[in-house]
Amino acid sequence: MTVQNRAAKFFLEIVYLVIPGLLFYAPFYEGEYSFYILLRGLVFIFCGYFALITLLNQEGYYANPKSKYPIIFGAIAVIFNPIIPIHLDRDVWGVIDFIAGFFIMFYFIERKVFHRTNGKMKKVIKEREDKIDEEHKRIKSLKWCKTCKYYKKNKKYSNTLDGLYRNESKPNEIYLPCANIVKTKKTWERFYEMIPNKRTLFPNDCTEWEKR
């Protein structure tokens, strides 16, 4: 696993722990009410998101088939929703906070154990991580604009929805993401001769490419 992928995985695991930590802390907090408003929003977004992905992905990674996780996450999201807030006594909220916190912790630990002990899931995760690593290495090895010292960032060119890289014909050269356009002119001409939906984001294997 690459350093970038390890960092992303570590960040997600920290997020899994922060939400329960805030829930366990909430019953003892006696400061500004804005803390509870923020907590409501965070728990609502977090649990709403996991209600959705555990419903749509029940092949074993996020949840097993016929899992009750979507219902539980959904119920927590409804209780904590900041749009139509539910008003309860402080003591009742304290119990709810602990239950929600323990459930999220349980989900995180249960999934981690399942991923490490289920042979089929271990294989799936390993294959997924290997594919991500291969794609990362492939992109890093490409001789294209993003890894070239002449790369010149241009949002009009690379915009996902209507970027100029999708143009039928070559746009004005000032919009191309290249600071060495005089020498790479033929490369760009070949690039725009291709059918738009067959192109990559940048030309591959440019003859003038130099490592950043």
N, C-alpha and C. Protein backbone atom coordinates (compact mmCIF):
# COMPACT_ATOMS: atom_id res chain seq x y z
N MET A 1 0.84 -1.18 0.00
CA MET A 1 0.00 0.00 0.00
C MET A 1 0.88 1.24 0.00
N THR A 2 0.55 2.22 -0.86
CA THR A 2 1.35 3.43 -0.95
C THR A 2 1.18 4.30 0.29
N VAL A 3 2.10 5.25 0.47
CA VAL A 3 2.04 6.16 1.62
C VAL A 3 0.74 6.95 1.59
N GLN A 4 0.34 7.40 0.38
CA GLN A 4 -0.88 8.19 0.25
C GLN A 4 -2.10 7.39 0.67
N ASN A 5 -2.15 6.11 0.26
CA ASN A 5 -3.30 5.27 0.61
C ASN A 5 -3.32 4.95 2.10
N ARG A 6 -2.14 4.75 2.68
CA ARG A 6 -2.07 4.51 4.13
C ARG A 6 -2.55 5.74 4.90
N ALA A 7 -2.16 6.91 4.42
CA ALA A 7 -2.56 8.16 5.08
C ALA A 7 -4.07 8.35 5.01
N ALA A 8 -4.66 8.06 3.83
CA ALA A 8 -6.11 8.18 3.67
C ALA A 8 -6.85 7.21 4.58
N LYS A 9 -6.33 5.97 4.67
CA LYS A 9 -6.95 4.96 5.52
C LYS A 9 -6.85 5.36 6.99
N PHE A 10 -5.70 5.89 7.38
CA PHE A 10 -5.51 6.33 8.77
C PHE A 10 -6.46 7.48 9.10
N PHE A 11 -6.63 8.41 8.16
CA PHE A 11 -7.53 9.54 8.37
C PHE A 11 -8.96 9.05 8.60
N LEU A 12 -9.42 8.09 7.79
CA LEU A 12 -10.77 7.56 7.94
C LEU A 12 -10.95 6.88 9.29
N GLU A 13 -9.91 6.16 9.74
CA GLU A 13 -10.00 5.49 11.03
C GLU A 13 -10.07 6.51 12.18
N ILE A 14 -9.38 7.64 12.02
CA ILE A 14 -9.45 8.70 13.02
C ILE A 14 -10.88 9.26 13.07
N VAL A 15 -11.49 9.45 11.89
CA VAL A 15 -12.87 9.95 11.83
C VAL A 15 -13.82 9.01 12.56
N TYR A 16 -13.61 7.69 12.36
CA TYR A 16 -14.44 6.69 13.04
C TYR A 16 -14.38 6.87 14.56
N LEU A 17 -13.25 7.33 15.08
CA LEU A 17 -13.06 7.46 16.53
C LEU A 17 -13.47 8.83 17.05
N VAL A 18 -13.37 9.87 16.22
CA VAL A 18 -13.70 11.22 16.66
C VAL A 18 -15.19 11.36 16.99
N ILE A 19 -16.06 10.84 16.13
CA ILE A 19 -17.50 10.97 16.35
C ILE A 19 -17.93 10.31 17.67
N PRO A 20 -17.55 9.04 17.93
CA PRO A 20 -17.89 8.46 19.23
C PRO A 20 -17.29 9.24 20.40
N GLY A 21 -16.05 9.72 20.22
CA GLY A 21 -15.41 10.49 21.27
C GLY A 21 -16.21 11.73 21.65
N LEU A 22 -16.73 12.43 20.63
CA LEU A 22 -17.55 13.62 20.89
C LEU A 22 -18.86 13.25 21.57
N LEU A 23 -19.43 12.10 21.15
CA LEU A 23 -20.68 11.65 21.76
C LEU A 23 -20.49 11.28 23.23
N PHE A 24 -19.37 10.63 23.56
CA PHE A 24 -19.09 10.27 24.95
C PHE A 24 -18.82 11.51 25.81
N TYR A 25 -18.27 12.55 25.17
CA TYR A 25 -17.93 13.77 25.89
C TYR A 25 -19.15 14.67 26.12
N ALA A 26 -20.12 14.60 25.20
CA ALA A 26 -21.27 15.50 25.20
C ALA A 26 -22.04 15.55 26.53
N PRO A 27 -22.34 14.41 27.19
CA PRO A 27 -23.11 14.49 28.45
C PRO A 27 -22.41 15.27 29.56
N PHE A 28 -21.09 15.40 29.46
CA PHE A 28 -20.34 16.07 30.52
C PHE A 28 -20.00 17.53 30.16
N TYR A 29 -20.31 17.90 28.91
CA TYR A 29 -19.97 19.26 28.45
C TYR A 29 -20.98 20.26 29.02
N GLU A 30 -20.48 21.39 29.52
CA GLU A 30 -21.36 22.41 30.11
C GLU A 30 -21.08 23.79 29.53
N GLY A 31 -20.58 23.80 28.32
CA GLY A 31 -20.25 25.07 27.68
C GLY A 31 -21.37 25.59 26.79
N GLU A 32 -20.97 26.22 25.67
CA GLU A 32 -21.91 26.84 24.73
C GLU A 32 -22.79 25.79 24.04
N TYR A 33 -24.03 26.20 23.76
CA TYR A 33 -24.98 25.29 23.09
C TYR A 33 -24.56 25.01 21.65
N SER A 34 -23.71 25.90 21.09
CA SER A 34 -23.25 25.71 19.71
C SER A 34 -22.52 24.38 19.54
N PHE A 35 -21.92 23.86 20.62
CA PHE A 35 -21.25 22.56 20.57
C PHE A 35 -22.24 21.46 20.19
N TYR A 36 -23.43 21.52 20.79
CA TYR A 36 -24.45 20.49 20.52
C TYR A 36 -25.02 20.62 19.11
N ILE A 37 -25.11 21.87 18.64
CA ILE A 37 -25.57 22.08 17.27
C ILE A 37 -24.57 21.46 16.29
N LEU A 38 -23.29 21.70 16.55
CA LEU A 38 -22.24 21.13 15.71
C LEU A 38 -22.27 19.61 15.78
N LEU A 39 -22.43 19.07 16.99
CA LEU A 39 -22.48 17.61 17.17
C LEU A 39 -23.65 17.00 16.41
N ARG A 40 -24.80 17.64 16.49
CA ARG A 40 -25.97 17.16 15.75
C ARG A 40 -25.65 17.05 14.25
N GLY A 41 -25.06 18.11 13.73
CA GLY A 41 -24.75 18.13 12.29
C GLY A 41 -23.76 17.04 11.90
N LEU A 42 -22.71 16.87 12.70
CA LEU A 42 -21.69 15.86 12.39
C LEU A 42 -22.26 14.45 12.44
N VAL A 43 -23.02 14.15 13.50
CA VAL A 43 -23.60 12.81 13.65
C VAL A 43 -24.63 12.55 12.56
N PHE A 44 -25.42 13.58 12.23
CA PHE A 44 -26.43 13.44 11.17
C PHE A 44 -25.77 13.09 9.83
N ILE A 45 -24.73 13.84 9.47
CA ILE A 45 -24.03 13.59 8.19
C ILE A 45 -23.35 12.22 8.21
N PHE A 46 -22.63 11.93 9.29
CA PHE A 46 -21.88 10.68 9.40
C PHE A 46 -22.83 9.47 9.32
N CYS A 47 -23.88 9.47 10.15
CA CYS A 47 -24.78 8.32 10.20
C CYS A 47 -25.67 8.24 8.96
N GLY A 48 -26.04 9.40 8.42
CA GLY A 48 -26.82 9.39 7.17
C GLY A 48 -26.03 8.77 6.04
N TYR A 49 -24.74 9.13 5.97
CA TYR A 49 -23.86 8.58 4.94
C TYR A 49 -23.72 7.06 5.10
N PHE A 50 -23.50 6.61 6.34
CA PHE A 50 -23.31 5.18 6.55
C PHE A 50 -24.62 4.40 6.43
N ALA A 51 -25.74 5.04 6.68
CA ALA A 51 -27.03 4.38 6.43
C ALA A 51 -27.15 4.07 4.94
N LEU A 52 -26.70 5.01 4.12
CA LEU A 52 -26.80 4.84 2.67
C LEU A 52 -25.82 3.79 2.16
N ILE A 53 -24.54 3.88 2.56
CA ILE A 53 -23.56 2.95 1.98
C ILE A 53 -23.72 1.53 2.53
N THR A 54 -24.23 1.39 3.78
CA THR A 54 -24.46 0.03 4.29
C THR A 54 -25.72 -0.58 3.66
N LEU A 55 -26.59 0.28 3.14
CA LEU A 55 -27.77 -0.22 2.42
C LEU A 55 -27.41 -0.64 1.00
N LEU A 56 -26.56 0.16 0.35
CA LEU A 56 -26.22 -0.08 -1.06
C LEU A 56 -25.06 -1.07 -1.24
N ASN A 57 -24.26 -1.27 -0.18
CA ASN A 57 -23.09 -2.16 -0.28
C ASN A 57 -23.14 -3.24 0.80
N GLN A 58 -23.84 -4.32 0.50
CA GLN A 58 -23.99 -5.40 1.47
C GLN A 58 -23.29 -6.67 1.00
N GLU A 59 -22.14 -6.46 0.32
CA GLU A 59 -21.37 -7.62 -0.16
C GLU A 59 -20.33 -8.05 0.86
N GLY A 60 -20.25 -7.36 2.01
CA GLY A 60 -19.34 -7.80 3.06
C GLY A 60 -18.37 -6.75 3.55
N TYR A 61 -18.10 -5.72 2.74
CA TYR A 61 -17.12 -4.73 3.19
C TYR A 61 -17.74 -3.77 4.20
N TYR A 62 -18.80 -3.08 3.80
CA TYR A 62 -19.47 -2.16 4.72
C TYR A 62 -20.54 -2.86 5.56
N ALA A 63 -21.14 -3.88 5.00
CA ALA A 63 -22.18 -4.62 5.72
C ALA A 63 -22.39 -5.97 5.05
N ASN A 64 -22.86 -6.93 5.83
CA ASN A 64 -23.18 -8.25 5.30
C ASN A 64 -24.60 -8.25 4.74
N PRO A 65 -24.96 -9.23 3.90
CA PRO A 65 -26.33 -9.30 3.37
C PRO A 65 -27.38 -9.28 4.48
N LYS A 66 -28.48 -8.57 4.22
CA LYS A 66 -29.61 -8.45 5.16
C LYS A 66 -29.20 -7.83 6.50
N SER A 67 -28.19 -6.98 6.46
CA SER A 67 -27.70 -6.33 7.68
C SER A 67 -28.72 -5.33 8.22
N LYS A 68 -28.71 -5.17 9.54
CA LYS A 68 -29.57 -4.17 10.21
C LYS A 68 -28.86 -2.82 10.35
N TYR A 69 -27.61 -2.76 9.92
CA TYR A 69 -26.85 -1.52 10.06
C TYR A 69 -27.54 -0.32 9.40
N PRO A 70 -28.10 -0.46 8.17
CA PRO A 70 -28.74 0.71 7.55
C PRO A 70 -29.88 1.28 8.41
N ILE A 71 -30.65 0.40 9.04
CA ILE A 71 -31.77 0.84 9.87
C ILE A 71 -31.27 1.59 11.11
N ILE A 72 -30.23 1.04 11.75
CA ILE A 72 -29.71 1.65 12.98
C ILE A 72 -29.06 2.99 12.68
N PHE A 73 -28.21 3.02 11.63
CA PHE A 73 -27.58 4.29 11.26
C PHE A 73 -28.64 5.32 10.87
N GLY A 74 -29.65 4.87 10.14
CA GLY A 74 -30.73 5.77 9.72
C GLY A 74 -31.49 6.33 10.91
N ALA A 75 -31.75 5.48 11.92
CA ALA A 75 -32.47 5.93 13.11
C ALA A 75 -31.66 6.98 13.88
N ILE A 76 -30.37 6.74 14.00
CA ILE A 76 -29.50 7.71 14.70
C ILE A 76 -29.48 9.04 13.94
N ALA A 77 -29.40 8.96 12.60
CA ALA A 77 -29.39 10.18 11.79
C ALA A 77 -30.68 10.98 12.00
N VAL A 78 -31.82 10.29 12.07
CA VAL A 78 -33.10 10.96 12.27
C VAL A 78 -33.14 11.64 13.64
N ILE A 79 -32.69 10.93 14.68
CA ILE A 79 -32.69 11.48 16.04
C ILE A 79 -31.83 12.73 16.16
N PHE A 80 -30.67 12.71 15.48
CA PHE A 80 -29.73 13.83 15.59
C PHE A 80 -29.92 14.88 14.51
N ASN A 81 -30.91 14.70 13.63
CA ASN A 81 -31.03 15.63 12.50
C ASN A 81 -31.23 17.07 12.98
N PRO A 82 -30.47 18.01 12.40
CA PRO A 82 -30.55 19.42 12.81
C PRO A 82 -31.62 20.20 12.06
N ILE A 83 -32.27 19.57 11.09
CA ILE A 83 -33.27 20.27 10.26
C ILE A 83 -34.59 20.39 11.01
N ILE A 84 -35.07 19.24 11.53
CA ILE A 84 -36.27 19.24 12.39
C ILE A 84 -35.81 18.66 13.73
N PRO A 85 -35.16 19.47 14.56
CA PRO A 85 -34.55 18.96 15.79
C PRO A 85 -35.55 18.36 16.77
N ILE A 86 -35.14 17.26 17.40
CA ILE A 86 -35.93 16.62 18.44
C ILE A 86 -35.44 17.16 19.79
N HIS A 87 -36.36 17.66 20.60
CA HIS A 87 -36.00 18.26 21.89
C HIS A 87 -36.30 17.27 23.02
N LEU A 88 -35.26 16.89 23.75
CA LEU A 88 -35.39 15.96 24.87
C LEU A 88 -34.64 16.50 26.09
N ASP A 89 -34.90 15.90 27.25
CA ASP A 89 -34.20 16.30 28.46
C ASP A 89 -32.71 15.98 28.34
N ARG A 90 -31.90 16.71 29.06
CA ARG A 90 -30.45 16.52 29.03
C ARG A 90 -30.06 15.09 29.42
N ASP A 91 -30.74 14.53 30.44
CA ASP A 91 -30.42 13.17 30.88
C ASP A 91 -30.73 12.14 29.79
N VAL A 92 -31.84 12.35 29.09
CA VAL A 92 -32.21 11.44 28.00
C VAL A 92 -31.19 11.53 26.88
N TRP A 93 -30.79 12.76 26.56
CA TRP A 93 -29.76 12.94 25.51
C TRP A 93 -28.46 12.28 25.91
N GLY A 94 -28.12 12.32 27.20
CA GLY A 94 -26.90 11.67 27.67
C GLY A 94 -26.90 10.19 27.38
N VAL A 95 -28.05 9.53 27.63
CA VAL A 95 -28.19 8.09 27.35
C VAL A 95 -28.07 7.84 25.85
N ILE A 96 -28.77 8.67 25.06
CA ILE A 96 -28.74 8.51 23.59
C ILE A 96 -27.33 8.70 23.06
N ASP A 97 -26.62 9.70 23.59
CA ASP A 97 -25.24 9.95 23.16
C ASP A 97 -24.36 8.72 23.39
N PHE A 98 -24.48 8.13 24.58
CA PHE A 98 -23.66 6.95 24.90
C PHE A 98 -24.03 5.76 24.01
N ILE A 99 -25.31 5.54 23.80
CA ILE A 99 -25.75 4.42 22.96
C ILE A 99 -25.24 4.60 21.52
N ALA A 100 -25.42 5.82 20.98
CA ALA A 100 -24.96 6.09 19.61
C ALA A 100 -23.44 5.94 19.50
N GLY A 101 -22.72 6.46 20.49
CA GLY A 101 -21.26 6.36 20.50
C GLY A 101 -20.79 4.92 20.54
N PHE A 102 -21.40 4.12 21.43
CA PHE A 102 -21.03 2.71 21.54
C PHE A 102 -21.36 1.95 20.26
N PHE A 103 -22.49 2.28 19.63
CA PHE A 103 -22.85 1.59 18.40
C PHE A 103 -21.83 1.86 17.30
N ILE A 104 -21.45 3.13 17.14
CA ILE A 104 -20.47 3.47 16.09
C ILE A 104 -19.14 2.79 16.35
N MET A 105 -18.72 2.77 17.62
CA MET A 105 -17.49 2.06 17.99
C MET A 105 -17.61 0.57 17.69
N PHE A 106 -18.76 0.00 18.03
CA PHE A 106 -18.99 -1.42 17.78
C PHE A 106 -18.92 -1.72 16.28
N TYR A 107 -19.57 -0.87 15.48
CA TYR A 107 -19.57 -1.07 14.03
C TYR A 107 -18.14 -1.05 13.50
N PHE A 108 -17.36 -0.07 13.93
CA PHE A 108 -15.99 0.06 13.46
C PHE A 108 -15.16 -1.17 13.83
N ILE A 109 -15.26 -1.61 15.08
CA ILE A 109 -14.47 -2.77 15.55
C ILE A 109 -14.95 -4.05 14.88
N GLU A 110 -16.27 -4.21 14.78
CA GLU A 110 -16.83 -5.43 14.17
C GLU A 110 -16.40 -5.57 12.71
N ARG A 111 -16.41 -4.45 11.98
CA ARG A 111 -15.99 -4.50 10.57
C ARG A 111 -14.50 -4.78 10.45
N LYS A 112 -13.70 -4.18 11.33
CA LYS A 112 -12.25 -4.42 11.30
C LYS A 112 -11.95 -5.90 11.54
N VAL A 113 -12.61 -6.48 12.55
CA VAL A 113 -12.41 -7.90 12.86
C VAL A 113 -12.85 -8.77 11.69
N PHE A 114 -14.01 -8.44 11.11
CA PHE A 114 -14.53 -9.22 9.98
C PHE A 114 -13.58 -9.16 8.79
N HIS A 115 -13.05 -7.98 8.52
CA HIS A 115 -12.12 -7.82 7.38
C HIS A 115 -10.85 -8.65 7.57
N ARG A 116 -10.41 -8.79 8.81
CA ARG A 116 -9.15 -9.49 9.07
C ARG A 116 -9.32 -11.00 9.28
N THR A 117 -10.52 -11.45 9.59
CA THR A 117 -10.73 -12.87 9.89
C THR A 117 -11.47 -13.63 8.79
N ASN A 118 -12.20 -12.90 7.94
CA ASN A 118 -12.94 -13.56 6.86
C ASN A 118 -12.01 -13.72 5.66
N GLY A 119 -11.71 -14.96 5.30
CA GLY A 119 -10.76 -15.24 4.22
C GLY A 119 -11.15 -14.60 2.90
N LYS A 120 -12.42 -14.70 2.53
CA LYS A 120 -12.89 -14.15 1.26
C LYS A 120 -12.75 -12.63 1.24
N MET A 121 -13.13 -11.98 2.36
CA MET A 121 -13.05 -10.52 2.42
C MET A 121 -11.60 -10.05 2.43
N LYS A 122 -10.71 -10.78 3.11
CA LYS A 122 -9.29 -10.43 3.11
C LYS A 122 -8.76 -10.42 1.68
N LYS A 123 -9.17 -11.41 0.91
CA LYS A 123 -8.72 -11.50 -0.48
C LYS A 123 -9.26 -10.33 -1.30
N VAL A 124 -10.54 -10.00 -1.11
CA VAL A 124 -11.17 -8.89 -1.84
C VAL A 124 -10.46 -7.57 -1.53
N ILE A 125 -10.19 -7.33 -0.23
CA ILE A 125 -9.53 -6.10 0.19
C ILE A 125 -8.12 -6.02 -0.37
N LYS A 126 -7.41 -7.15 -0.34
CA LYS A 126 -6.04 -7.20 -0.87
C LYS A 126 -6.04 -6.88 -2.36
N GLU A 127 -6.97 -7.47 -3.11
CA GLU A 127 -7.06 -7.22 -4.55
C GLU A 127 -7.40 -5.76 -4.83
N ARG A 128 -8.29 -5.19 -4.01
CA ARG A 128 -8.69 -3.79 -4.17
C ARG A 128 -7.51 -2.86 -3.92
N GLU A 129 -6.76 -3.13 -2.86
CA GLU A 129 -5.60 -2.30 -2.52
C GLU A 129 -4.50 -2.42 -3.58
N ASP A 130 -4.33 -3.64 -4.10
CA ASP A 130 -3.32 -3.84 -5.15
C ASP A 130 -3.68 -3.06 -6.41
N LYS A 131 -4.97 -3.05 -6.76
CA LYS A 131 -5.42 -2.32 -7.94
C LYS A 131 -5.19 -0.82 -7.77
N ILE A 132 -5.48 -0.31 -6.57
CA ILE A 132 -5.27 1.11 -6.30
C ILE A 132 -3.78 1.46 -6.40
N ASP A 133 -2.94 0.59 -5.84
CA ASP A 133 -1.48 0.82 -5.90
C ASP A 133 -0.97 0.79 -7.33
N GLU A 134 -1.48 -0.17 -8.12
CA GLU A 134 -1.06 -0.28 -9.52
C GLU A 134 -1.46 0.96 -10.31
N GLU A 135 -2.69 1.43 -10.07
CA GLU A 135 -3.16 2.62 -10.77
C GLU A 135 -2.35 3.84 -10.36
N HIS A 136 -2.02 3.95 -9.08
CA HIS A 136 -1.21 5.07 -8.59
C HIS A 136 0.17 5.06 -9.25
N LYS A 137 0.79 3.87 -9.32
CA LYS A 137 2.11 3.75 -9.94
C LYS A 137 2.05 4.05 -11.44
N ARG A 138 0.95 3.61 -12.08
CA ARG A 138 0.79 3.85 -13.52
C ARG A 138 0.70 5.35 -13.81
N ILE A 139 -0.09 6.06 -12.99
CA ILE A 139 -0.26 7.49 -13.19
C ILE A 139 1.05 8.22 -12.94
N LYS A 140 1.79 7.80 -11.90
CA LYS A 140 3.07 8.46 -11.60
C LYS A 140 4.09 8.25 -12.71
N SER A 141 3.98 7.11 -13.42
CA SER A 141 4.96 6.81 -14.46
C SER A 141 4.60 7.41 -15.83
N LEU A 142 3.39 7.95 -15.95
CA LEU A 142 2.96 8.52 -17.22
C LEU A 142 3.78 9.76 -17.58
N LYS A 143 4.14 9.85 -18.84
CA LYS A 143 4.84 11.04 -19.32
C LYS A 143 3.79 12.00 -19.88
N TRP A 144 3.07 12.63 -18.97
CA TRP A 144 2.02 13.56 -19.39
C TRP A 144 2.12 14.85 -18.58
N CYS A 145 1.26 15.80 -18.88
CA CYS A 145 1.37 17.16 -18.33
C CYS A 145 1.50 17.21 -16.82
N LYS A 146 0.70 16.43 -16.12
CA LYS A 146 0.63 16.52 -14.66
C LYS A 146 1.98 16.23 -13.99
N THR A 147 2.80 15.42 -14.63
CA THR A 147 4.09 15.07 -14.05
C THR A 147 5.27 15.76 -14.75
N CYS A 148 4.94 16.71 -15.61
CA CYS A 148 5.98 17.40 -16.39
C CYS A 148 6.32 18.76 -15.77
N LYS A 149 7.56 19.16 -15.89
CA LYS A 149 7.99 20.44 -15.30
C LYS A 149 7.40 21.63 -16.05
N TYR A 150 6.87 21.39 -17.25
CA TYR A 150 6.27 22.47 -18.03
C TYR A 150 4.76 22.59 -17.78
N TYR A 151 4.27 21.79 -16.85
CA TYR A 151 2.82 21.80 -16.58
C TYR A 151 2.35 23.16 -16.08
N LYS A 152 1.27 23.63 -16.65
CA LYS A 152 0.69 24.93 -16.29
C LYS A 152 -0.79 24.71 -16.00
N LYS A 153 -1.15 24.80 -14.73
CA LYS A 153 -2.52 24.50 -14.33
C LYS A 153 -3.51 25.46 -14.98
N ASN A 154 -4.62 24.89 -15.49
CA ASN A 154 -5.65 25.71 -16.12
C ASN A 154 -7.01 25.06 -15.89
N LYS A 155 -7.85 25.71 -15.09
CA LYS A 155 -9.16 25.14 -14.74
C LYS A 155 -10.08 25.02 -15.95
N LYS A 156 -9.99 25.96 -16.88
CA LYS A 156 -10.85 25.90 -18.07
C LYS A 156 -10.54 24.65 -18.90
N TYR A 157 -9.29 24.24 -18.85
CA TYR A 157 -8.89 23.05 -19.61
C TYR A 157 -9.36 21.77 -18.94
N SER A 158 -9.13 21.63 -17.63
CA SER A 158 -9.34 20.34 -16.96
C SER A 158 -10.66 20.20 -16.22
N ASN A 159 -11.57 21.19 -16.31
CA ASN A 159 -12.86 21.09 -15.64
C ASN A 159 -13.56 19.79 -16.02
N THR A 160 -14.05 19.05 -15.02
CA THR A 160 -14.63 17.73 -15.26
C THR A 160 -15.83 17.76 -16.19
N LEU A 161 -16.70 18.76 -16.05
CA LEU A 161 -17.94 18.79 -16.83
C LEU A 161 -17.78 19.36 -18.23
N ASP A 162 -17.08 20.48 -18.34
CA ASP A 162 -16.99 21.12 -19.66
C ASP A 162 -15.57 21.60 -19.97
N GLY A 163 -14.59 20.86 -19.51
CA GLY A 163 -13.19 21.23 -19.75
C GLY A 163 -12.83 21.26 -21.23
N LEU A 164 -11.87 22.10 -21.57
CA LEU A 164 -11.47 22.25 -22.97
C LEU A 164 -10.79 21.00 -23.53
N TYR A 165 -10.39 20.08 -22.65
CA TYR A 165 -9.80 18.83 -23.17
C TYR A 165 -10.84 18.01 -23.92
N ARG A 166 -12.13 18.35 -23.75
CA ARG A 166 -13.20 17.66 -24.46
C ARG A 166 -13.55 18.30 -25.80
N ASN A 167 -12.92 19.44 -26.10
CA ASN A 167 -13.23 20.16 -27.34
C ASN A 167 -13.07 19.28 -28.57
N GLU A 168 -13.87 19.58 -29.59
CA GLU A 168 -13.74 18.88 -30.87
C GLU A 168 -12.45 19.30 -31.57
N SER A 169 -12.09 20.58 -31.43
CA SER A 169 -10.86 21.09 -32.06
C SER A 169 -9.97 21.75 -31.01
N LYS A 170 -8.72 21.95 -31.36
CA LYS A 170 -7.74 22.51 -30.43
C LYS A 170 -8.12 23.94 -30.07
N PRO A 171 -8.24 24.25 -28.76
CA PRO A 171 -8.59 25.61 -28.34
C PRO A 171 -7.39 26.56 -28.46
N ASN A 172 -7.60 27.79 -28.13
CA ASN A 172 -6.52 28.77 -28.11
C ASN A 172 -5.40 28.25 -27.20
N GLU A 173 -4.17 28.38 -27.66
CA GLU A 173 -3.03 27.78 -26.95
C GLU A 173 -2.82 28.33 -25.54
N ILE A 174 -3.37 29.51 -25.24
CA ILE A 174 -3.21 30.07 -23.89
C ILE A 174 -3.96 29.25 -22.85
N TYR A 175 -4.93 28.43 -23.32
CA TYR A 175 -5.72 27.61 -22.40
C TYR A 175 -5.15 26.20 -22.22
N LEU A 176 -4.11 25.87 -22.97
CA LEU A 176 -3.52 24.54 -22.84
C LEU A 176 -2.58 24.51 -21.63
N PRO A 177 -2.56 23.42 -20.88
CA PRO A 177 -1.76 23.35 -19.64
C PRO A 177 -0.29 23.06 -19.88
N CYS A 178 0.31 23.85 -20.79
CA CYS A 178 1.70 23.60 -21.16
C CYS A 178 2.46 24.91 -21.33
N ALA A 179 3.60 25.02 -20.65
CA ALA A 179 4.42 26.23 -20.75
C ALA A 179 5.49 26.10 -21.83
N ASN A 180 5.44 24.99 -22.59
CA ASN A 180 6.43 24.76 -23.65
C ASN A 180 5.69 24.47 -24.95
N ILE A 181 4.63 25.25 -25.20
CA ILE A 181 3.71 24.98 -26.30
C ILE A 181 4.37 25.04 -27.68
N VAL A 182 5.44 25.82 -27.82
CA VAL A 182 6.11 25.92 -29.13
C VAL A 182 6.65 24.56 -29.55
N LYS A 183 7.27 23.84 -28.61
CA LYS A 183 7.85 22.54 -28.92
C LYS A 183 6.84 21.39 -28.88
N THR A 184 5.73 21.58 -28.17
CA THR A 184 4.75 20.49 -28.03
C THR A 184 3.53 20.67 -28.93
N LYS A 185 3.61 21.61 -29.84
CA LYS A 185 2.47 21.93 -30.71
C LYS A 185 1.94 20.71 -31.45
N LYS A 186 2.84 19.89 -32.02
CA LYS A 186 2.40 18.70 -32.77
C LYS A 186 1.74 17.67 -31.86
N THR A 187 2.25 17.57 -30.64
CA THR A 187 1.65 16.64 -29.67
C THR A 187 0.21 17.02 -29.41
N TRP A 188 -0.06 18.31 -29.24
CA TRP A 188 -1.42 18.78 -28.99
C TRP A 188 -2.30 18.64 -30.23
N GLU A 189 -1.73 18.82 -31.38
CA GLU A 189 -2.51 18.64 -32.61
C GLU A 189 -2.97 17.19 -32.75
N ARG A 190 -2.06 16.25 -32.45
CA ARG A 190 -2.42 14.82 -32.50
C ARG A 190 -3.49 14.51 -31.45
N PHE A 191 -3.35 15.13 -30.29
CA PHE A 191 -4.29 14.90 -29.20
C PHE A 191 -5.70 15.30 -29.60
N TYR A 192 -5.84 16.45 -30.25
CA TYR A 192 -7.16 16.94 -30.64
C TYR A 192 -7.68 16.33 -31.93
N GLU A 193 -6.87 15.52 -32.58
CA GLU A 193 -7.36 14.75 -33.73
C GLU A 193 -8.14 13.52 -33.26
N MET A 194 -7.93 13.14 -32.00
CA MET A 194 -8.63 11.99 -31.43
C MET A 194 -10.08 12.34 -31.12
N ILE A 195 -10.94 11.31 -31.10
CA ILE A 195 -12.34 11.50 -30.71
C ILE A 195 -12.37 11.89 -29.23
N PRO A 196 -13.11 12.92 -28.83
CA PRO A 196 -13.10 13.40 -27.45
C PRO A 196 -13.26 12.33 -26.38
N ASN A 197 -14.19 11.39 -26.57
CA ASN A 197 -14.41 10.38 -25.52
C ASN A 197 -13.36 9.26 -25.52
N LYS A 198 -12.40 9.35 -26.43
CA LYS A 198 -11.29 8.38 -26.46
C LYS A 198 -10.01 8.97 -25.85
N ARG A 199 -10.06 10.25 -25.53
CA ARG A 199 -8.87 10.92 -24.99
C ARG A 199 -8.71 10.69 -23.49
N THR A 200 -7.46 10.76 -23.04
CA THR A 200 -7.19 10.87 -21.61
C THR A 200 -7.24 12.35 -21.26
N LEU A 201 -7.05 12.70 -20.01
CA LEU A 201 -7.12 14.11 -19.62
C LEU A 201 -6.01 14.93 -20.29
N PHE A 202 -4.81 14.34 -20.41
CA PHE A 202 -3.67 15.00 -21.05
C PHE A 202 -3.08 14.06 -22.11
N PRO A 203 -2.31 14.59 -23.05
CA PRO A 203 -1.62 13.71 -24.01
C PRO A 203 -0.63 12.80 -23.27
N ASN A 204 -0.53 11.56 -23.71
CA ASN A 204 0.41 10.61 -23.10
C ASN A 204 1.72 10.57 -23.88
N ASP A 205 2.82 10.30 -23.16
CA ASP A 205 4.12 10.11 -23.77
C ASP A 205 4.55 11.25 -24.70
N CYS A 206 4.49 12.45 -24.17
CA CYS A 206 4.92 13.64 -24.94
C CYS A 206 6.43 13.57 -25.14
N THR A 207 6.89 13.86 -26.35
CA THR A 207 8.33 13.79 -26.67
C THR A 207 9.15 14.86 -25.94
N GLU A 208 8.49 15.94 -25.49
CA GLU A 208 9.20 17.03 -24.80
C GLU A 208 9.05 16.93 -23.27
N TRP A 209 8.49 15.83 -22.81
CA TRP A 209 8.24 15.67 -21.38
C TRP A 209 9.54 15.66 -20.57
N GLU A 210 9.54 16.41 -19.46
CA GLU A 210 10.67 16.40 -18.53
C GLU A 210 10.10 16.32 -17.11
N LYS A 211 10.70 15.46 -16.31
CA LYS A 211 10.20 15.22 -14.96
C LYS A 211 10.21 16.50 -14.12
N ARG A 212 9.16 16.67 -13.33
CA ARG A 212 9.05 17.85 -12.45
C ARG A 212 10.08 17.78 -11.33
